[in-house]
Amino acid sequence: MKVLFVCTGNTCRSVMAEAIFNNYCKEKDICAFSAGLSIIPNSEASQNAIEVIQKNLNVNINNRKAVQINEKIIENSDLILVMTAYIKDMIKQHFPKYSDKVFVINDYIGVSGDISDPFGGNIEVYQNTFFELKNKIFLLIGKIKEDKGIFK
């Protein structure tokens, strides 16, 4: 199973979500990757995202380049989880035949609201976003395991 996380620029939220998911989901054949709705070409993960991931997960994302979402990425994803309702709407508008696998992450796990964008914020803002994502991803991993009948 391939889980795709999508935010706006693929330098903060989705990159952190990808790292968190892949760090904590130990199920064989389930992995995450990420992309952005509207990236700046050749952009990399933000410095604060790099620091928060290194500090909390001991994972190095220093050279992580932003990836522009496209039809091939969407087609090859089993589940597409976005940070906001706006991003969901844009993906559904541009790639309507894949609408059935696009969800706001919070909606998918049964909570309301969007994941706020830490871009431009200080390290504490990124740390808060990290812990928000981590908590949501723990719920997500549990839901995926339940949906797939994995009980460990």
N, C-alpha and C. Protein backbone atom coordinates (compact mmCIF):
# COMPACT_ATOMS: atom_id res chain seq x y z
N MET A 1 0.85 -1.18 0.00
CA MET A 1 0.00 0.00 0.00
C MET A 1 0.88 1.23 0.00
N LYS A 2 0.57 2.16 -0.90
CA LYS A 2 1.31 3.42 -0.99
C LYS A 2 0.42 4.56 -0.53
N VAL A 3 0.87 5.26 0.52
CA VAL A 3 0.15 6.40 1.06
C VAL A 3 0.87 7.66 0.60
N LEU A 4 0.13 8.56 -0.01
CA LEU A 4 0.69 9.83 -0.48
C LEU A 4 0.18 10.96 0.40
N PHE A 5 1.10 11.73 0.98
CA PHE A 5 0.75 12.93 1.74
C PHE A 5 0.99 14.13 0.83
N VAL A 6 0.04 15.07 0.82
CA VAL A 6 0.14 16.24 -0.05
C VAL A 6 -0.12 17.51 0.76
N CYS A 7 0.79 18.48 0.58
CA CYS A 7 0.56 19.83 1.09
C CYS A 7 0.77 20.79 -0.07
N THR A 8 1.00 22.05 0.22
CA THR A 8 1.12 23.03 -0.85
C THR A 8 2.46 22.92 -1.57
N GLY A 9 3.56 23.11 -0.84
CA GLY A 9 4.87 23.20 -1.47
C GLY A 9 5.78 22.00 -1.28
N ASN A 10 5.34 21.01 -0.51
CA ASN A 10 6.14 19.80 -0.23
C ASN A 10 7.48 20.12 0.40
N THR A 11 7.45 21.10 1.32
CA THR A 11 8.68 21.44 2.06
C THR A 11 8.48 21.38 3.57
N CYS A 12 7.24 21.27 4.04
CA CYS A 12 6.97 21.27 5.48
C CYS A 12 6.08 20.11 5.90
N ARG A 13 4.77 20.31 5.83
CA ARG A 13 3.82 19.34 6.40
C ARG A 13 3.91 17.96 5.77
N SER A 14 3.84 17.88 4.46
CA SER A 14 3.81 16.55 3.83
C SER A 14 5.13 15.82 3.99
N VAL A 15 6.23 16.57 3.98
CA VAL A 15 7.55 15.96 4.18
C VAL A 15 7.65 15.40 5.61
N MET A 16 7.14 16.18 6.58
CA MET A 16 7.16 15.70 7.96
C MET A 16 6.24 14.49 8.11
N ALA A 17 5.05 14.55 7.49
CA ALA A 17 4.11 13.42 7.58
C ALA A 17 4.72 12.15 6.99
N GLU A 18 5.39 12.29 5.85
CA GLU A 18 6.05 11.14 5.22
C GLU A 18 7.08 10.52 6.16
N ALA A 19 7.92 11.37 6.76
CA ALA A 19 8.97 10.88 7.66
C ALA A 19 8.36 10.21 8.90
N ILE A 20 7.35 10.84 9.47
CA ILE A 20 6.70 10.28 10.67
C ILE A 20 6.06 8.94 10.34
N PHE A 21 5.29 8.89 9.27
CA PHE A 21 4.61 7.64 8.90
C PHE A 21 5.62 6.52 8.67
N ASN A 22 6.63 6.79 7.87
CA ASN A 22 7.61 5.74 7.55
C ASN A 22 8.43 5.33 8.77
N ASN A 23 8.56 6.22 9.74
CA ASN A 23 9.30 5.89 10.95
C ASN A 23 8.48 4.98 11.88
N TYR A 24 7.16 5.21 11.94
CA TYR A 24 6.33 4.48 12.89
C TYR A 24 5.52 3.33 12.31
N CYS A 25 5.27 3.33 11.03
CA CYS A 25 4.51 2.23 10.43
C CYS A 25 5.50 1.14 10.04
N LYS A 26 5.47 0.06 10.75
CA LYS A 26 6.43 -1.02 10.53
C LYS A 26 5.84 -2.17 9.73
N GLU A 27 4.64 -1.96 9.18
CA GLU A 27 4.00 -3.01 8.39
C GLU A 27 4.69 -3.17 7.04
N LYS A 28 4.95 -4.41 6.70
CA LYS A 28 5.53 -4.73 5.41
C LYS A 28 4.56 -4.30 4.31
N ASP A 29 5.07 -3.78 3.26
CA ASP A 29 4.28 -3.38 2.09
C ASP A 29 3.39 -2.16 2.31
N ILE A 30 3.63 -1.39 3.37
CA ILE A 30 2.93 -0.12 3.56
C ILE A 30 3.98 0.97 3.73
N CYS A 31 3.96 1.94 2.84
CA CYS A 31 4.94 3.03 2.94
C CYS A 31 4.30 4.33 2.48
N ALA A 32 4.94 5.42 2.85
CA ALA A 32 4.44 6.75 2.49
C ALA A 32 5.48 7.50 1.68
N PHE A 33 4.97 8.40 0.89
CA PHE A 33 5.80 9.37 0.20
C PHE A 33 4.98 10.65 0.12
N SER A 34 5.54 11.71 -0.42
CA SER A 34 4.83 12.99 -0.40
C SER A 34 5.10 13.80 -1.65
N ALA A 35 4.21 14.76 -1.86
CA ALA A 35 4.31 15.66 -3.00
C ALA A 35 3.60 16.96 -2.64
N GLY A 36 3.76 17.96 -3.51
CA GLY A 36 3.13 19.25 -3.29
C GLY A 36 2.21 19.63 -4.42
N LEU A 37 1.21 20.40 -4.09
CA LEU A 37 0.24 20.87 -5.07
C LEU A 37 0.85 21.91 -6.01
N SER A 38 1.71 22.75 -5.46
CA SER A 38 2.29 23.84 -6.24
C SER A 38 3.69 24.14 -5.73
N ILE A 39 4.65 23.33 -6.14
CA ILE A 39 6.00 23.47 -5.60
C ILE A 39 6.78 24.55 -6.34
N ILE A 40 7.83 25.01 -5.68
CA ILE A 40 8.82 25.87 -6.33
C ILE A 40 9.91 24.93 -6.82
N PRO A 41 10.19 24.92 -8.13
CA PRO A 41 11.19 23.99 -8.66
C PRO A 41 12.52 24.09 -7.91
N ASN A 42 13.11 22.93 -7.62
CA ASN A 42 14.39 22.79 -6.91
C ASN A 42 14.34 23.20 -5.44
N SER A 43 13.14 23.40 -4.89
CA SER A 43 13.06 23.73 -3.47
C SER A 43 13.31 22.47 -2.65
N GLU A 44 13.76 22.68 -1.43
CA GLU A 44 14.07 21.58 -0.52
C GLU A 44 13.25 21.72 0.75
N ALA A 45 13.27 20.70 1.57
CA ALA A 45 12.59 20.76 2.86
C ALA A 45 13.06 22.00 3.62
N SER A 46 12.14 22.64 4.33
CA SER A 46 12.49 23.84 5.08
C SER A 46 13.45 23.48 6.21
N GLN A 47 14.28 24.44 6.57
CA GLN A 47 15.29 24.21 7.62
C GLN A 47 14.64 23.77 8.93
N ASN A 48 13.52 24.40 9.29
CA ASN A 48 12.86 24.02 10.54
C ASN A 48 12.27 22.61 10.47
N ALA A 49 11.74 22.22 9.31
CA ALA A 49 11.25 20.84 9.17
C ALA A 49 12.41 19.86 9.31
N ILE A 50 13.54 20.18 8.69
CA ILE A 50 14.73 19.33 8.79
C ILE A 50 15.13 19.17 10.25
N GLU A 51 15.19 20.28 10.99
CA GLU A 51 15.62 20.24 12.39
C GLU A 51 14.65 19.45 13.26
N VAL A 52 13.34 19.66 13.07
CA VAL A 52 12.35 18.97 13.89
C VAL A 52 12.37 17.46 13.62
N ILE A 53 12.50 17.06 12.37
CA ILE A 53 12.56 15.63 12.04
C ILE A 53 13.83 15.01 12.59
N GLN A 54 14.95 15.71 12.47
CA GLN A 54 16.21 15.19 13.01
C GLN A 54 16.13 15.03 14.52
N LYS A 55 15.61 16.04 15.19
CA LYS A 55 15.54 16.03 16.66
C LYS A 55 14.60 14.93 17.17
N ASN A 56 13.43 14.79 16.55
CA ASN A 56 12.42 13.88 17.08
C ASN A 56 12.49 12.46 16.55
N LEU A 57 13.01 12.29 15.33
CA LEU A 57 13.04 10.95 14.73
C LEU A 57 14.45 10.46 14.43
N ASN A 58 15.41 11.35 14.54
CA ASN A 58 16.79 11.05 14.16
C ASN A 58 16.85 10.57 12.70
N VAL A 59 16.09 11.28 11.85
CA VAL A 59 16.05 11.00 10.42
C VAL A 59 16.56 12.24 9.70
N ASN A 60 17.44 12.04 8.75
CA ASN A 60 18.03 13.15 8.00
C ASN A 60 17.26 13.36 6.70
N ILE A 61 16.63 14.53 6.58
CA ILE A 61 15.92 14.87 5.34
C ILE A 61 16.57 16.11 4.69
N ASN A 62 17.85 16.31 4.98
CA ASN A 62 18.58 17.50 4.50
C ASN A 62 18.46 17.74 3.01
N ASN A 63 18.54 16.72 2.21
CA ASN A 63 18.57 16.89 0.76
C ASN A 63 17.25 16.53 0.10
N ARG A 64 16.18 16.56 0.87
CA ARG A 64 14.86 16.20 0.35
C ARG A 64 14.34 17.30 -0.56
N LYS A 65 14.21 16.98 -1.84
CA LYS A 65 13.71 17.93 -2.85
C LYS A 65 12.19 17.83 -2.95
N ALA A 66 11.56 18.96 -3.17
CA ALA A 66 10.11 18.99 -3.34
C ALA A 66 9.72 18.26 -4.63
N VAL A 67 8.59 17.56 -4.56
CA VAL A 67 8.07 16.79 -5.69
C VAL A 67 6.72 17.39 -6.08
N GLN A 68 6.57 17.71 -7.36
CA GLN A 68 5.30 18.23 -7.87
C GLN A 68 4.33 17.07 -8.11
N ILE A 69 3.13 17.19 -7.56
CA ILE A 69 2.13 16.15 -7.79
C ILE A 69 1.79 16.10 -9.27
N ASN A 70 1.55 14.90 -9.76
CA ASN A 70 1.14 14.73 -11.16
C ASN A 70 0.28 13.47 -11.25
N GLU A 71 -0.24 13.22 -12.42
CA GLU A 71 -1.17 12.10 -12.57
C GLU A 71 -0.52 10.76 -12.29
N LYS A 72 0.72 10.59 -12.70
CA LYS A 72 1.40 9.31 -12.46
C LYS A 72 1.55 9.02 -10.96
N ILE A 73 1.92 10.04 -10.20
CA ILE A 73 2.05 9.88 -8.74
C ILE A 73 0.69 9.52 -8.14
N ILE A 74 -0.34 10.22 -8.56
CA ILE A 74 -1.68 9.96 -8.04
C ILE A 74 -2.14 8.56 -8.42
N GLU A 75 -1.94 8.19 -9.66
CA GLU A 75 -2.35 6.87 -10.14
C GLU A 75 -1.66 5.75 -9.36
N ASN A 76 -0.40 5.96 -9.01
CA ASN A 76 0.38 4.94 -8.30
C ASN A 76 0.18 4.95 -6.79
N SER A 77 -0.69 5.82 -6.29
CA SER A 77 -0.97 5.90 -4.86
C SER A 77 -2.27 5.18 -4.54
N ASP A 78 -2.28 4.47 -3.43
CA ASP A 78 -3.50 3.79 -3.00
C ASP A 78 -4.40 4.69 -2.16
N LEU A 79 -3.78 5.59 -1.41
CA LEU A 79 -4.50 6.48 -0.51
C LEU A 79 -3.80 7.83 -0.56
N ILE A 80 -4.55 8.89 -0.81
CA ILE A 80 -3.99 10.24 -0.91
C ILE A 80 -4.57 11.06 0.23
N LEU A 81 -3.70 11.49 1.13
CA LEU A 81 -4.10 12.24 2.31
C LEU A 81 -3.51 13.64 2.23
N VAL A 82 -4.40 14.62 2.24
CA VAL A 82 -3.99 16.01 2.08
C VAL A 82 -4.16 16.76 3.39
N MET A 83 -3.53 17.92 3.47
CA MET A 83 -3.51 18.68 4.72
C MET A 83 -4.73 19.58 4.89
N THR A 84 -5.37 19.97 3.77
CA THR A 84 -6.51 20.90 3.85
C THR A 84 -7.61 20.52 2.86
N ALA A 85 -8.79 21.02 3.15
CA ALA A 85 -9.92 20.80 2.24
C ALA A 85 -9.65 21.46 0.89
N TYR A 86 -8.99 22.61 0.88
CA TYR A 86 -8.67 23.29 -0.38
C TYR A 86 -7.80 22.39 -1.27
N ILE A 87 -6.79 21.77 -0.70
CA ILE A 87 -5.91 20.89 -1.48
C ILE A 87 -6.71 19.71 -2.02
N LYS A 88 -7.58 19.14 -1.20
CA LYS A 88 -8.44 18.04 -1.66
C LYS A 88 -9.27 18.49 -2.85
N ASP A 89 -9.88 19.66 -2.75
CA ASP A 89 -10.72 20.17 -3.83
C ASP A 89 -9.91 20.37 -5.11
N MET A 90 -8.69 20.90 -5.00
CA MET A 90 -7.85 21.14 -6.18
C MET A 90 -7.45 19.82 -6.85
N ILE A 91 -7.09 18.83 -6.05
CA ILE A 91 -6.72 17.54 -6.63
C ILE A 91 -7.93 16.90 -7.31
N LYS A 92 -9.07 16.93 -6.66
CA LYS A 92 -10.28 16.35 -7.25
C LYS A 92 -10.68 17.08 -8.53
N GLN A 93 -10.45 18.38 -8.56
CA GLN A 93 -10.78 19.16 -9.75
C GLN A 93 -9.84 18.82 -10.92
N HIS A 94 -8.55 18.68 -10.63
CA HIS A 94 -7.57 18.42 -11.69
C HIS A 94 -7.43 16.95 -12.06
N PHE A 95 -7.78 16.06 -11.14
CA PHE A 95 -7.65 14.62 -11.38
C PHE A 95 -8.93 13.91 -10.94
N PRO A 96 -10.06 14.22 -11.57
CA PRO A 96 -11.35 13.73 -11.07
C PRO A 96 -11.49 12.21 -11.06
N LYS A 97 -10.80 11.50 -11.93
CA LYS A 97 -11.00 10.05 -11.94
C LYS A 97 -10.38 9.36 -10.73
N TYR A 98 -9.61 10.11 -9.92
CA TYR A 98 -9.00 9.53 -8.71
C TYR A 98 -9.65 10.08 -7.43
N SER A 99 -10.78 10.74 -7.57
CA SER A 99 -11.44 11.39 -6.43
C SER A 99 -11.73 10.46 -5.26
N ASP A 100 -11.99 9.19 -5.57
CA ASP A 100 -12.38 8.25 -4.52
C ASP A 100 -11.25 7.89 -3.56
N LYS A 101 -10.02 8.29 -3.87
CA LYS A 101 -8.93 7.96 -2.95
C LYS A 101 -8.26 9.20 -2.36
N VAL A 102 -8.92 10.36 -2.44
CA VAL A 102 -8.38 11.62 -1.91
C VAL A 102 -9.18 12.05 -0.69
N PHE A 103 -8.49 12.25 0.43
CA PHE A 103 -9.13 12.64 1.68
C PHE A 103 -8.27 13.66 2.43
N VAL A 104 -8.93 14.56 3.15
CA VAL A 104 -8.21 15.37 4.13
C VAL A 104 -7.83 14.40 5.25
N ILE A 105 -6.59 14.44 5.68
CA ILE A 105 -6.13 13.46 6.69
C ILE A 105 -7.03 13.45 7.91
N ASN A 106 -7.42 14.63 8.39
CA ASN A 106 -8.27 14.68 9.59
C ASN A 106 -9.63 14.02 9.34
N ASP A 107 -10.23 14.29 8.18
CA ASP A 107 -11.51 13.65 7.86
C ASP A 107 -11.37 12.13 7.82
N TYR A 108 -10.29 11.67 7.26
CA TYR A 108 -10.07 10.23 7.10
C TYR A 108 -10.01 9.50 8.44
N ILE A 109 -9.43 10.16 9.45
CA ILE A 109 -9.31 9.52 10.76
C ILE A 109 -10.44 9.92 11.71
N GLY A 110 -11.38 10.72 11.21
CA GLY A 110 -12.56 11.02 12.01
C GLY A 110 -12.48 12.24 12.90
N VAL A 111 -11.61 13.20 12.58
CA VAL A 111 -11.58 14.46 13.31
C VAL A 111 -11.78 15.60 12.32
N SER A 112 -12.09 16.77 12.83
CA SER A 112 -12.38 17.88 11.92
C SER A 112 -11.20 18.83 11.80
N GLY A 113 -11.25 19.63 10.76
CA GLY A 113 -10.26 20.69 10.58
C GLY A 113 -9.12 20.31 9.65
N ASP A 114 -8.31 21.31 9.38
CA ASP A 114 -7.14 21.18 8.53
C ASP A 114 -5.87 21.14 9.37
N ILE A 115 -4.77 20.73 8.76
CA ILE A 115 -3.46 20.81 9.39
C ILE A 115 -2.88 22.16 8.98
N SER A 116 -2.62 23.02 9.94
CA SER A 116 -2.14 24.37 9.61
C SER A 116 -0.72 24.33 9.07
N ASP A 117 -0.43 25.27 8.21
CA ASP A 117 0.87 25.35 7.53
C ASP A 117 1.87 26.09 8.41
N PRO A 118 2.98 25.44 8.79
CA PRO A 118 3.97 26.12 9.62
C PRO A 118 4.93 27.00 8.83
N PHE A 119 4.82 27.00 7.50
CA PHE A 119 5.78 27.71 6.65
C PHE A 119 5.96 29.15 7.13
N GLY A 120 7.21 29.52 7.34
CA GLY A 120 7.55 30.86 7.80
C GLY A 120 7.53 31.01 9.31
N GLY A 121 7.07 29.98 10.01
CA GLY A 121 7.01 30.03 11.46
C GLY A 121 8.35 29.67 12.10
N ASN A 122 8.43 29.92 13.39
CA ASN A 122 9.66 29.57 14.12
C ASN A 122 9.69 28.08 14.45
N ILE A 123 10.74 27.65 15.08
CA ILE A 123 10.94 26.22 15.36
C ILE A 123 9.82 25.67 16.24
N GLU A 124 9.28 26.48 17.14
CA GLU A 124 8.18 26.02 18.00
C GLU A 124 6.93 25.73 17.18
N VAL A 125 6.67 26.55 16.18
CA VAL A 125 5.51 26.32 15.30
C VAL A 125 5.67 24.98 14.58
N TYR A 126 6.87 24.73 14.08
CA TYR A 126 7.14 23.46 13.41
C TYR A 126 7.04 22.29 14.37
N GLN A 127 7.54 22.48 15.59
CA GLN A 127 7.45 21.42 16.60
C GLN A 127 5.99 21.10 16.89
N ASN A 128 5.16 22.12 17.00
CA ASN A 128 3.73 21.90 17.24
C ASN A 128 3.09 21.14 16.08
N THR A 129 3.45 21.52 14.85
CA THR A 129 2.92 20.82 13.67
C THR A 129 3.40 19.38 13.66
N PHE A 130 4.67 19.15 14.01
CA PHE A 130 5.20 17.79 14.09
C PHE A 130 4.35 16.94 15.03
N PHE A 131 4.09 17.44 16.24
CA PHE A 131 3.35 16.64 17.22
C PHE A 131 1.89 16.46 16.81
N GLU A 132 1.30 17.47 16.15
CA GLU A 132 -0.05 17.32 15.63
C GLU A 132 -0.08 16.21 14.58
N LEU A 133 0.88 16.25 13.65
CA LEU A 133 0.95 15.22 12.62
C LEU A 133 1.22 13.84 13.22
N LYS A 134 2.12 13.78 14.18
CA LYS A 134 2.46 12.49 14.80
C LYS A 134 1.22 11.86 15.44
N ASN A 135 0.46 12.66 16.18
CA ASN A 135 -0.75 12.14 16.82
C ASN A 135 -1.76 11.66 15.78
N LYS A 136 -1.93 12.41 14.71
CA LYS A 136 -2.87 12.03 13.66
C LYS A 136 -2.37 10.78 12.93
N ILE A 137 -1.08 10.69 12.72
CA ILE A 137 -0.53 9.54 11.99
C ILE A 137 -0.62 8.27 12.82
N PHE A 138 -0.50 8.37 14.14
CA PHE A 138 -0.73 7.18 14.98
C PHE A 138 -2.16 6.68 14.78
N LEU A 139 -3.12 7.60 14.75
CA LEU A 139 -4.51 7.21 14.49
C LEU A 139 -4.65 6.62 13.09
N LEU A 140 -3.99 7.23 12.13
CA LEU A 140 -4.03 6.76 10.74
C LEU A 140 -3.48 5.34 10.62
N ILE A 141 -2.34 5.09 11.23
CA ILE A 141 -1.74 3.75 11.16
C ILE A 141 -2.71 2.72 11.77
N GLY A 142 -3.32 3.08 12.89
CA GLY A 142 -4.30 2.18 13.50
C GLY A 142 -5.48 1.92 12.57
N LYS A 143 -5.97 2.95 11.89
CA LYS A 143 -7.09 2.79 10.97
C LYS A 143 -6.69 1.92 9.78
N ILE A 144 -5.52 2.14 9.23
CA ILE A 144 -5.06 1.33 8.10
C ILE A 144 -4.95 -0.13 8.51
N LYS A 145 -4.37 -0.38 9.67
CA LYS A 145 -4.25 -1.76 10.15
C LYS A 145 -5.62 -2.40 10.33
N GLU A 146 -6.54 -1.65 10.90
CA GLU A 146 -7.89 -2.16 11.11
C GLU A 146 -8.57 -2.43 9.77
N ASP A 147 -8.46 -1.49 8.84
CA ASP A 147 -9.09 -1.66 7.53
C ASP A 147 -8.50 -2.84 6.77
N LYS A 148 -7.22 -3.10 6.96
CA LYS A 148 -6.55 -4.20 6.26
C LYS A 148 -6.61 -5.50 7.05
N GLY A 149 -7.20 -5.46 8.25
CA GLY A 149 -7.29 -6.67 9.08
C GLY A 149 -5.97 -7.08 9.70
N ILE A 150 -5.10 -6.10 9.97
CA ILE A 150 -3.80 -6.37 10.59
C ILE A 150 -3.92 -6.10 12.08
N PHE A 151 -3.75 -7.11 12.89
CA PHE A 151 -3.84 -6.94 14.33
C PHE A 151 -2.58 -7.44 14.98
N LYS A 152 -1.80 -6.51 15.51
CA LYS A 152 -0.55 -6.87 16.20
C LYS A 152 -0.41 -6.09 17.47
